[in-house]
Amino acid sequence: MVSHGRAAGLFSIVFKERYTSAQVDAFCDALKLFKLGYSWGGHLSLVVPYDIPSMRDATVAHWPYRGTLVRFNIGLEDVRDLQADMEQALGALR
C-alpha cells in the first residue's frame, strides 16, 4: 500500500557483532518491500548493508561500532507495512 502526502527518510542500524555478515545479508534478502539499492531519497524503500571497517582507511577516524551497519531509505509505503516487513525479516537472523 502506498501512503501519499508523507516524507521519506533515512536511518541506519548496527547489528551486534554476534550476527555474521551472512546473517545480515539474509535479513536484507528476506525483506519484501525494501529493495537492495544505493539511491537515497526516492519514493521506494531501500536497504543496503555496509561493512564499515573494510571501507575505511586505518588512518581515518576510528569506527566506534562493531557489527554490520544496515542503512534504510524509507519510501512512501505505509509505515505499518514496512514495520511488518522488517519484523518478518528478523526471522532470517536465527
PDB file of N, CA and C in Angstrom:
ATOM      1  N   MET A   1       0.842  -1.166   0.000  1.00  0.00           N
ATOM      2  CA  MET A   1       0.000   0.000   0.000  1.00  0.00           C
ATOM      3  C   MET A   1       0.892   1.234   0.000  1.00  0.00           C
ATOM      4  N   VAL A   2       0.620   2.213  -0.828  1.00  0.00           N
ATOM      5  CA  VAL A   2       1.385   3.458  -0.871  1.00  0.00           C
ATOM      6  C   VAL A   2       0.626   4.518  -0.104  1.00  0.00           C
ATOM      7  N   SER A   3       1.335   5.240   0.716  1.00  0.00           N
ATOM      8  CA  SER A   3       0.746   6.305   1.516  1.00  0.00           C
ATOM      9  C   SER A   3       1.169   7.640   0.921  1.00  0.00           C
ATOM     10  N   HIS A   4       0.240   8.466   0.503  1.00  0.00           N
ATOM     11  CA  HIS A   4       0.543   9.737  -0.146  1.00  0.00           C
ATOM     12  C   HIS A   4       0.603  10.867   0.874  1.00  0.00           C
ATOM     13  N   GLY A   5       1.349  11.915   0.538  1.00  0.00           N
ATOM     14  CA  GLY A   5       1.420  13.089   1.384  1.00  0.00           C
ATOM     15  C   GLY A   5       2.377  12.943   2.556  1.00  0.00           C
ATOM     16  N   ARG A   6       3.314  12.044   2.463  1.00  0.00           N
ATOM     17  CA  ARG A   6       4.277  11.831   3.546  1.00  0.00           C
ATOM     18  C   ARG A   6       5.690  12.005   3.006  1.00  0.00           C
ATOM     19  N   ALA A   7       6.627  12.178   3.917  1.00  0.00           N
ATOM     20  CA  ALA A   7       8.014  12.365   3.526  1.00  0.00           C
ATOM     21  C   ALA A   7       8.794  11.066   3.677  1.00  0.00           C
ATOM     22  N   ALA A   8       9.834  10.931   2.882  1.00  0.00           N
ATOM     23  CA  ALA A   8      10.747   9.796   3.005  1.00  0.00           C
ATOM     24  C   ALA A   8      11.806  10.137   4.054  1.00  0.00           C
ATOM     25  N   GLY A   9      12.571   9.137   4.480  1.00  0.00           N
ATOM     26  CA  GLY A   9      13.608   9.370   5.471  1.00  0.00           C
ATOM     27  C   GLY A   9      14.723   8.350   5.345  1.00  0.00           C
ATOM     28  N   LEU A  10      15.810   8.589   6.061  1.00  0.00           N
ATOM     29  CA  LEU A  10      16.983   7.739   6.011  1.00  0.00           C
ATOM     30  C   LEU A  10      17.457   7.471   7.428  1.00  0.00           C
ATOM     31  N   PHE A  11      17.759   6.199   7.743  1.00  0.00           N
ATOM     32  CA  PHE A  11      18.343   5.879   9.039  1.00  0.00           C
ATOM     33  C   PHE A  11      19.187   4.623   8.912  1.00  0.00           C
ATOM     34  N   SER A  12      20.043   4.420   9.889  1.00  0.00           N
ATOM     35  CA  SER A  12      20.918   3.246   9.896  1.00  0.00           C
ATOM     36  C   SER A  12      20.839   2.556  11.245  1.00  0.00           C
ATOM     37  N   ILE A  13      21.107   1.260  11.225  1.00  0.00           N
ATOM     38  CA  ILE A  13      21.242   0.485  12.457  1.00  0.00           C
ATOM     39  C   ILE A  13      22.533  -0.312  12.352  1.00  0.00           C
ATOM     40  N   VAL A  14      23.080  -0.690  13.492  1.00  0.00           N
ATOM     41  CA  VAL A  14      24.251  -1.561  13.514  1.00  0.00           C
ATOM     42  C   VAL A  14      23.843  -2.842  14.220  1.00  0.00           C
ATOM     43  N   PHE A  15      23.930  -3.965  13.491  1.00  0.00           N
ATOM     44  CA  PHE A  15      23.640  -5.255  14.094  1.00  0.00           C
ATOM     45  C   PHE A  15      24.789  -5.631  15.022  1.00  0.00           C
ATOM     46  N   LYS A  16      24.479  -6.244  16.130  1.00  0.00           N
ATOM     47  CA  LYS A  16      25.518  -6.691  17.048  1.00  0.00           C
ATOM     48  C   LYS A  16      26.469  -7.621  16.307  1.00  0.00           C
ATOM     49  N   GLU A  17      27.730  -7.611  16.729  1.00  0.00           N
ATOM     50  CA  GLU A  17      28.737  -8.388  16.016  1.00  0.00           C
ATOM     51  C   GLU A  17      28.520  -9.895  16.094  1.00  0.00           C
ATOM     52  N   ARG A  18      27.643 -10.339  16.970  1.00  0.00           N
ATOM     53  CA  ARG A  18      27.356 -11.784  17.017  1.00  0.00           C
ATOM     54  C   ARG A  18      26.647 -12.258  15.751  1.00  0.00           C
ATOM     55  N   TYR A  19      26.066 -11.314  14.995  1.00  0.00           N
ATOM     56  CA  TYR A  19      25.423 -11.667  13.728  1.00  0.00           C
ATOM     57  C   TYR A  19      26.459 -11.581  12.616  1.00  0.00           C
ATOM     58  N   THR A  20      26.627 -12.659  11.895  1.00  0.00           N
ATOM     59  CA  THR A  20      27.605 -12.700  10.813  1.00  0.00           C
ATOM     60  C   THR A  20      27.126 -11.855   9.631  1.00  0.00           C
ATOM     61  N   SER A  21      28.053 -11.566   8.751  1.00  0.00           N
ATOM     62  CA  SER A  21      27.686 -10.856   7.517  1.00  0.00           C
ATOM     63  C   SER A  21      26.655 -11.650   6.730  1.00  0.00           C
ATOM     64  N   ALA A  22      26.804 -12.964   6.736  1.00  0.00           N
ATOM     65  CA  ALA A  22      25.837 -13.811   6.019  1.00  0.00           C
ATOM     66  C   ALA A  22      24.444 -13.686   6.620  1.00  0.00           C
ATOM     67  N   GLN A  23      24.349 -13.614   7.946  1.00  0.00           N
ATOM     68  CA  GLN A  23      23.038 -13.459   8.592  1.00  0.00           C
ATOM     69  C   GLN A  23      22.430 -12.096   8.265  1.00  0.00           C
ATOM     70  N   VAL A  24      23.241 -11.059   8.292  1.00  0.00           N
ATOM     71  CA  VAL A  24      22.734  -9.716   7.968  1.00  0.00           C
ATOM     72  C   VAL A  24      22.299  -9.661   6.506  1.00  0.00           C
ATOM     73  N   ASP A  25      23.085 -10.286   5.628  1.00  0.00           N
ATOM     74  CA  ASP A  25      22.680 -10.347   4.219  1.00  0.00           C
ATOM     75  C   ASP A  25      21.362 -11.102   4.068  1.00  0.00           C
ATOM     76  N   ALA A  26      21.186 -12.193   4.827  1.00  0.00           N
ATOM     77  CA  ALA A  26      19.937 -12.953   4.776  1.00  0.00           C
ATOM     78  C   ALA A  26      18.762 -12.101   5.243  1.00  0.00           C
ATOM     79  N   PHE A  27      18.990 -11.271   6.279  1.00  0.00           N
ATOM     80  CA  PHE A  27      17.953 -10.339   6.739  1.00  0.00           C
ATOM     81  C   PHE A  27      17.562  -9.403   5.598  1.00  0.00           C
ATOM     82  N   CYS A  28      18.562  -8.787   4.953  1.00  0.00           N
ATOM     83  CA  CYS A  28      18.275  -7.848   3.860  1.00  0.00           C
ATOM     84  C   CYS A  28      17.571  -8.542   2.705  1.00  0.00           C
ATOM     85  N   ASP A  29      18.006  -9.763   2.389  1.00  0.00           N
ATOM     86  CA  ASP A  29      17.378 -10.515   1.296  1.00  0.00           C
ATOM     87  C   ASP A  29      15.943 -10.934   1.631  1.00  0.00           C
ATOM     88  N   ALA A  30      15.649 -11.108   2.922  1.00  0.00           N
ATOM     89  CA  ALA A  30      14.308 -11.540   3.341  1.00  0.00           C
ATOM     90  C   ALA A  30      13.284 -10.409   3.280  1.00  0.00           C
ATOM     91  N   LEU A  31      13.740  -9.175   3.206  1.00  0.00           N
ATOM     92  CA  LEU A  31      12.811  -8.046   3.118  1.00  0.00           C
ATOM     93  C   LEU A  31      12.060  -8.113   1.796  1.00  0.00           C
ATOM     94  N   LYS A  32      10.769  -7.866   1.844  1.00  0.00           N
ATOM     95  CA  LYS A  32       9.942  -7.943   0.647  1.00  0.00           C
ATOM     96  C   LYS A  32       9.614  -6.560   0.078  1.00  0.00           C
ATOM     97  N   LEU A  33       9.405  -5.582   0.944  1.00  0.00           N
ATOM     98  CA  LEU A  33       9.082  -4.233   0.476  1.00  0.00           C
ATOM     99  C   LEU A  33      10.324  -3.392   0.239  1.00  0.00           C
ATOM    100  N   PHE A  34      11.383  -3.642   1.010  1.00  0.00           N
ATOM    101  CA  PHE A  34      12.650  -2.929   0.833  1.00  0.00           C
ATOM    102  C   PHE A  34      13.438  -3.607  -0.280  1.00  0.00           C
ATOM    103  N   LYS A  35      13.908  -2.832  -1.216  1.00  0.00           N
ATOM    104  CA  LYS A  35      14.745  -3.353  -2.299  1.00  0.00           C
ATOM    105  C   LYS A  35      16.197  -3.015  -1.978  1.00  0.00           C
ATOM    106  N   LEU A  36      17.124  -3.854  -2.439  1.00  0.00           N
ATOM    107  CA  LEU A  36      18.541  -3.550  -2.270  1.00  0.00           C
ATOM    108  C   LEU A  36      18.900  -2.411  -3.217  1.00  0.00           C
ATOM    109  N   GLY A  37      19.533  -1.374  -2.676  1.00  0.00           N
ATOM    110  CA  GLY A  37      19.896  -0.264  -3.540  1.00  0.00           C
ATOM    111  C   GLY A  37      20.593   0.857  -2.808  1.00  0.00           C
ATOM    112  N   TYR A  38      21.287   1.697  -3.583  1.00  0.00           N
ATOM    113  CA  TYR A  38      22.082   2.787  -3.046  1.00  0.00           C
ATOM    114  C   TYR A  38      21.490   4.167  -3.299  1.00  0.00           C
ATOM    115  N   SER A  39      20.415   4.292  -4.006  1.00  0.00           N
ATOM    116  CA  SER A  39      19.854   5.596  -4.339  1.00  0.00           C
ATOM    117  C   SER A  39      18.932   6.061  -3.222  1.00  0.00           C
ATOM    118  N   TRP A  40      19.355   7.062  -2.477  1.00  0.00           N
ATOM    119  CA  TRP A  40      18.586   7.506  -1.307  1.00  0.00           C
ATOM    120  C   TRP A  40      17.668   8.670  -1.665  1.00  0.00           C
ATOM    121  N   GLY A  41      16.540   8.740  -1.005  1.00  0.00           N
ATOM    122  CA  GLY A  41      15.645   9.879  -1.139  1.00  0.00           C
ATOM    123  C   GLY A  41      14.514   9.680  -2.127  1.00  0.00           C
ATOM    124  N   GLY A  42      14.423   8.527  -2.746  1.00  0.00           N
ATOM    125  CA  GLY A  42      13.346   8.276  -3.692  1.00  0.00           C
ATOM    126  C   GLY A  42      12.080   7.817  -2.994  1.00  0.00           C
ATOM    127  N   HIS A  43      11.090   7.427  -3.782  1.00  0.00           N
ATOM    128  CA  HIS A  43       9.795   7.036  -3.227  1.00  0.00           C
ATOM    129  C   HIS A  43       9.750   5.570  -2.807  1.00  0.00           C
ATOM    130  N   LEU A  44      10.752   4.769  -3.206  1.00  0.00           N
ATOM    131  CA  LEU A  44      10.791   3.357  -2.834  1.00  0.00           C
ATOM    132  C   LEU A  44      11.660   3.157  -1.598  1.00  0.00           C
ATOM    133  N   SER A  45      11.293   2.205  -0.777  1.00  0.00           N
ATOM    134  CA  SER A  45      12.107   1.874   0.389  1.00  0.00           C
ATOM    135  C   SER A  45      13.255   0.969  -0.053  1.00  0.00           C
ATOM    136  N   LEU A  46      14.455   1.324   0.401  1.00  0.00           N
ATOM    137  CA  LEU A  46      15.668   0.616   0.012  1.00  0.00           C
ATOM    138  C   LEU A  46      16.462   0.233   1.254  1.00  0.00           C
ATOM    139  N   VAL A  47      17.331  -0.766   1.101  1.00  0.00           N
ATOM    140  CA  VAL A  47      18.188  -1.219   2.190  1.00  0.00           C
ATOM    141  C   VAL A  47      19.539  -1.616   1.595  1.00  0.00           C
ATOM    142  N   VAL A  48      20.604  -1.379   2.359  1.00  0.00           N
ATOM    143  CA  VAL A  48      21.921  -1.834   1.934  1.00  0.00           C
ATOM    144  C   VAL A  48      22.801  -2.054   3.163  1.00  0.00           C
ATOM    145  N   PRO A  49      23.468  -3.221   3.229  1.00  0.00           N
ATOM    146  CA  PRO A  49      24.394  -3.477   4.336  1.00  0.00           C
ATOM    147  C   PRO A  49      25.782  -2.926   3.994  1.00  0.00           C
ATOM    148  N   TYR A  50      26.492  -2.470   5.021  1.00  0.00           N
ATOM    149  CA  TYR A  50      27.850  -1.946   4.852  1.00  0.00           C
ATOM    150  C   TYR A  50      28.771  -2.591   5.881  1.00  0.00           C
ATOM    151  N   ASP A  51      29.947  -3.005   5.440  1.00  0.00           N
ATOM    152  CA  ASP A  51      30.996  -3.437   6.355  1.00  0.00           C
ATOM    153  C   ASP A  51      31.933  -2.240   6.494  1.00  0.00           C
ATOM    154  N   ILE A  52      31.605  -1.339   7.397  1.00  0.00           N
ATOM    155  CA  ILE A  52      32.305  -0.065   7.524  1.00  0.00           C
ATOM    156  C   ILE A  52      33.813  -0.237   7.735  1.00  0.00           C
ATOM    157  N   PRO A  53      34.264  -1.106   8.656  1.00  0.00           N
ATOM    158  CA  PRO A  53      35.721  -1.206   8.855  1.00  0.00           C
ATOM    159  C   PRO A  53      36.487  -1.551   7.576  1.00  0.00           C
ATOM    160  N   SER A  54      35.920  -2.360   6.706  1.00  0.00           N
ATOM    161  CA  SER A  54      36.626  -2.707   5.477  1.00  0.00           C
ATOM    162  C   SER A  54      36.604  -1.565   4.464  1.00  0.00           C
ATOM    163  N   MET A  55      35.739  -0.582   4.673  1.00  0.00           N
ATOM    164  CA  MET A  55      35.613   0.547   3.751  1.00  0.00           C
ATOM    165  C   MET A  55      36.469   1.734   4.169  1.00  0.00           C
ATOM    166  N   ARG A  56      36.959   1.727   5.403  1.00  0.00           N
ATOM    167  CA  ARG A  56      37.687   2.888   5.915  1.00  0.00           C
ATOM    168  C   ARG A  56      39.178   2.634   5.926  1.00  0.00           C
ATOM    169  N   ASP A  57      39.920   3.645   5.628  1.00  0.00           N
ATOM    170  CA  ASP A  57      41.374   3.608   5.731  1.00  0.00           C
ATOM    171  C   ASP A  57      41.733   3.600   7.217  1.00  0.00           C
ATOM    172  N   ALA A  58      42.680   2.799   7.597  1.00  0.00           N
ATOM    173  CA  ALA A  58      43.069   2.674   9.011  1.00  0.00           C
ATOM    174  C   ALA A  58      43.546   4.000   9.587  1.00  0.00           C
ATOM    175  N   THR A  59      43.970   4.932   8.750  1.00  0.00           N
ATOM    176  CA  THR A  59      44.454   6.221   9.245  1.00  0.00           C
ATOM    177  C   THR A  59      43.317   7.209   9.483  1.00  0.00           C
ATOM    178  N   VAL A  60      42.121   6.880   9.001  1.00  0.00           N
ATOM    179  CA  VAL A  60      40.954   7.748   9.183  1.00  0.00           C
ATOM    180  C   VAL A  60      40.359   7.479  10.561  1.00  0.00           C
ATOM    181  N   ALA A  61      39.557   8.398  11.035  1.00  0.00           N
ATOM    182  CA  ALA A  61      38.934   8.262  12.357  1.00  0.00           C
ATOM    183  C   ALA A  61      38.384   6.856  12.587  1.00  0.00           C
ATOM    184  N   HIS A  62      38.552   6.369  13.774  1.00  0.00           N
ATOM    185  CA  HIS A  62      38.128   5.011  14.155  1.00  0.00           C
ATOM    186  C   HIS A  62      36.614   4.883  14.134  1.00  0.00           C
ATOM    187  N   TRP A  63      36.122   3.808  13.556  1.00  0.00           N
ATOM    188  CA  TRP A  63      34.685   3.480  13.578  1.00  0.00           C
ATOM    189  C   TRP A  63      34.396   2.862  14.941  1.00  0.00           C
ATOM    190  N   PRO A  64      33.561   3.468  15.766  1.00  0.00           N
ATOM    191  CA  PRO A  64      33.402   3.033  17.157  1.00  0.00           C
ATOM    192  C   PRO A  64      32.491   1.816  17.372  1.00  0.00           C
ATOM    193  N   TYR A  65      31.864   1.311  16.321  1.00  0.00           N
ATOM    194  CA  TYR A  65      30.903   0.232  16.489  1.00  0.00           C
ATOM    195  C   TYR A  65      31.435  -1.074  15.919  1.00  0.00           C
ATOM    196  N   ARG A  66      30.988  -2.165  16.506  1.00  0.00           N
ATOM    197  CA  ARG A  66      31.303  -3.486  15.960  1.00  0.00           C
ATOM    198  C   ARG A  66      30.020  -4.017  15.343  1.00  0.00           C
ATOM    199  N   GLY A  67      30.163  -4.804  14.324  1.00  0.00           N
ATOM    200  CA  GLY A  67      28.979  -5.331  13.667  1.00  0.00           C
ATOM    201  C   GLY A  67      28.742  -4.647  12.333  1.00  0.00           C
ATOM    202  N   THR A  68      27.745  -5.132  11.635  1.00  0.00           N
ATOM    203  CA  THR A  68      27.437  -4.645  10.289  1.00  0.00           C
ATOM    204  C   THR A  68      26.383  -3.551  10.346  1.00  0.00           C
ATOM    205  N   LEU A  69      26.666  -2.452   9.661  1.00  0.00           N
ATOM    206  CA  LEU A  69      25.730  -1.343   9.561  1.00  0.00           C
ATOM    207  C   LEU A  69      24.761  -1.630   8.412  1.00  0.00           C
ATOM    208  N   VAL A  70      23.491  -1.375   8.629  1.00  0.00           N
ATOM    209  CA  VAL A  70      22.482  -1.505   7.571  1.00  0.00           C
ATOM    210  C   VAL A  70      21.766  -0.173   7.466  1.00  0.00           C
ATOM    211  N   ARG A  71      21.778   0.389   6.265  1.00  0.00           N
ATOM    212  CA  ARG A  71      21.145   1.684   6.027  1.00  0.00           C
ATOM    213  C   ARG A  71      19.814   1.469   5.322  1.00  0.00           C
ATOM    214  N   PHE A  72      18.801   2.164   5.820  1.00  0.00           N
ATOM    215  CA  PHE A  72      17.450   2.085   5.266  1.00  0.00           C
ATOM    216  C   PHE A  72      17.038   3.438   4.714  1.00  0.00           C
ATOM    217  N   ASN A  73      16.490   3.436   3.516  1.00  0.00           N
ATOM    218  CA  ASN A  73      15.795   4.588   2.990  1.00  0.00           C
ATOM    219  C   ASN A  73      14.310   4.250   3.085  1.00  0.00           C
ATOM    220  N   ILE A  74      13.563   5.053   3.811  1.00  0.00           N
ATOM    221  CA  ILE A  74      12.130   4.826   3.965  1.00  0.00           C
ATOM    222  C   ILE A  74      11.411   5.594   2.864  1.00  0.00           C
ATOM    223  N   GLY A  75      10.709   4.844   2.051  1.00  0.00           N
ATOM    224  CA  GLY A  75       9.974   5.451   0.944  1.00  0.00           C
ATOM    225  C   GLY A  75       8.569   5.851   1.367  1.00  0.00           C
ATOM    226  N   LEU A  76       7.664   5.780   0.443  1.00  0.00           N
ATOM    227  CA  LEU A  76       6.298   6.243   0.687  1.00  0.00           C
ATOM    228  C   LEU A  76       5.309   5.115   0.970  1.00  0.00           C
ATOM    229  N   GLU A  77       5.809   3.901   1.177  1.00  0.00           N
ATOM    230  CA  GLU A  77       4.915   2.808   1.549  1.00  0.00           C
ATOM    231  C   GLU A  77       4.348   3.073   2.950  1.00  0.00           C
ATOM    232  N   ASP A  78       3.275   2.402   3.277  1.00  0.00           N
ATOM    233  CA  ASP A  78       2.669   2.563   4.590  1.00  0.00           C
ATOM    234  C   ASP A  78       3.643   2.084   5.674  1.00  0.00           C
ATOM    235  N   VAL A  79       3.798   2.879   6.707  1.00  0.00           N
ATOM    236  CA  VAL A  79       4.774   2.570   7.758  1.00  0.00           C
ATOM    237  C   VAL A  79       4.482   1.227   8.430  1.00  0.00           C
ATOM    238  N   ARG A  80       3.221   0.888   8.604  1.00  0.00           N
ATOM    239  CA  ARG A  80       2.883  -0.404   9.221  1.00  0.00           C
ATOM    240  C   ARG A  80       3.317  -1.573   8.346  1.00  0.00           C
ATOM    241  N   ASP A  81       3.194  -1.408   7.036  1.00  0.00           N
ATOM    242  CA  ASP A  81       3.652  -2.450   6.121  1.00  0.00           C
ATOM    243  C   ASP A  81       5.171  -2.605   6.198  1.00  0.00           C
ATOM    244  N   LEU A  82       5.886  -1.489   6.289  1.00  0.00           N
ATOM    245  CA  LEU A  82       7.346  -1.534   6.391  1.00  0.00           C
ATOM    246  C   LEU A  82       7.782  -2.155   7.716  1.00  0.00           C
ATOM    247  N   GLN A  83       7.094  -1.803   8.791  1.00  0.00           N
ATOM    248  CA  GLN A  83       7.417  -2.396  10.097  1.00  0.00           C
ATOM    249  C   GLN A  83       7.192  -3.903  10.076  1.00  0.00           C
ATOM    250  N   ALA A  84       6.103  -4.335   9.491  1.00  0.00           N
ATOM    251  CA  ALA A  84       5.808  -5.768   9.408  1.00  0.00           C
ATOM    252  C   ALA A  84       6.862  -6.474   8.552  1.00  0.00           C
ATOM    253  N   ASP A  85       7.308  -5.823   7.495  1.00  0.00           N
ATOM    254  CA  ASP A  85       8.336  -6.408   6.636  1.00  0.00           C
ATOM    255  C   ASP A  85       9.643  -6.580   7.415  1.00  0.00           C
ATOM    256  N   MET A  86      10.032  -5.571   8.170  1.00  0.00           N
ATOM    257  CA  MET A  86      11.256  -5.669   8.982  1.00  0.00           C
ATOM    258  C   MET A  86      11.122  -6.779  10.030  1.00  0.00           C
ATOM    259  N   GLU A  87       9.958  -6.843  10.642  1.00  0.00           N
ATOM    260  CA  GLU A  87       9.727  -7.860  11.682  1.00  0.00           C
ATOM    261  C   GLU A  87       9.856  -9.275  11.104  1.00  0.00           C
ATOM    262  N   GLN A  88       9.242  -9.523   9.945  1.00  0.00           N
ATOM    263  CA  GLN A  88       9.320 -10.871   9.376  1.00  0.00           C
ATOM    264  C   GLN A  88      10.747 -11.185   8.935  1.00  0.00           C
ATOM    265  N   ALA A  89      11.498 -10.190   8.479  1.00  0.00           N
ATOM    266  CA  ALA A  89      12.872 -10.425   8.029  1.00  0.00           C
ATOM    267  C   ALA A  89      13.822 -10.729   9.182  1.00  0.00           C
ATOM    268  N   LEU A  90      13.486 -10.277  10.377  1.00  0.00           N
ATOM    269  CA  LEU A  90      14.323 -10.586  11.536  1.00  0.00           C
ATOM    270  C   LEU A  90      14.423 -12.082  11.770  1.00  0.00           C
ATOM    271  N   GLY A  91      13.442 -12.839  11.311  1.00  0.00           N
ATOM    272  CA  GLY A  91      13.487 -14.290  11.425  1.00  0.00           C
ATOM    273  C   GLY A  91      14.680 -14.899  10.677  1.00  0.00           C
ATOM    274  N   ALA A  92      15.200 -14.187   9.692  1.00  0.00           N
ATOM    275  CA  ALA A  92      16.348 -14.682   8.929  1.00  0.00           C
ATOM    276  C   ALA A  92      17.632 -14.665   9.761  1.00  0.00           C
ATOM    277  N   LEU A  93      17.623 -13.947  10.865  1.00  0.00           N
ATOM    278  CA  LEU A  93      18.814 -13.884  11.718  1.00  0.00           C
ATOM    279  C   LEU A  93      18.981 -15.139  12.561  1.00  0.00           C
ATOM    280  N   ARG A  94      17.943 -15.915  12.678  1.00  0.00           N
ATOM    281  CA  ARG A  94      18.001 -17.117  13.533  1.00  0.00           C
ATOM    282  C   ARG A  94      18.694 -18.251  12.844  1.00  0.00           C
TER     283      ARG A  94
END
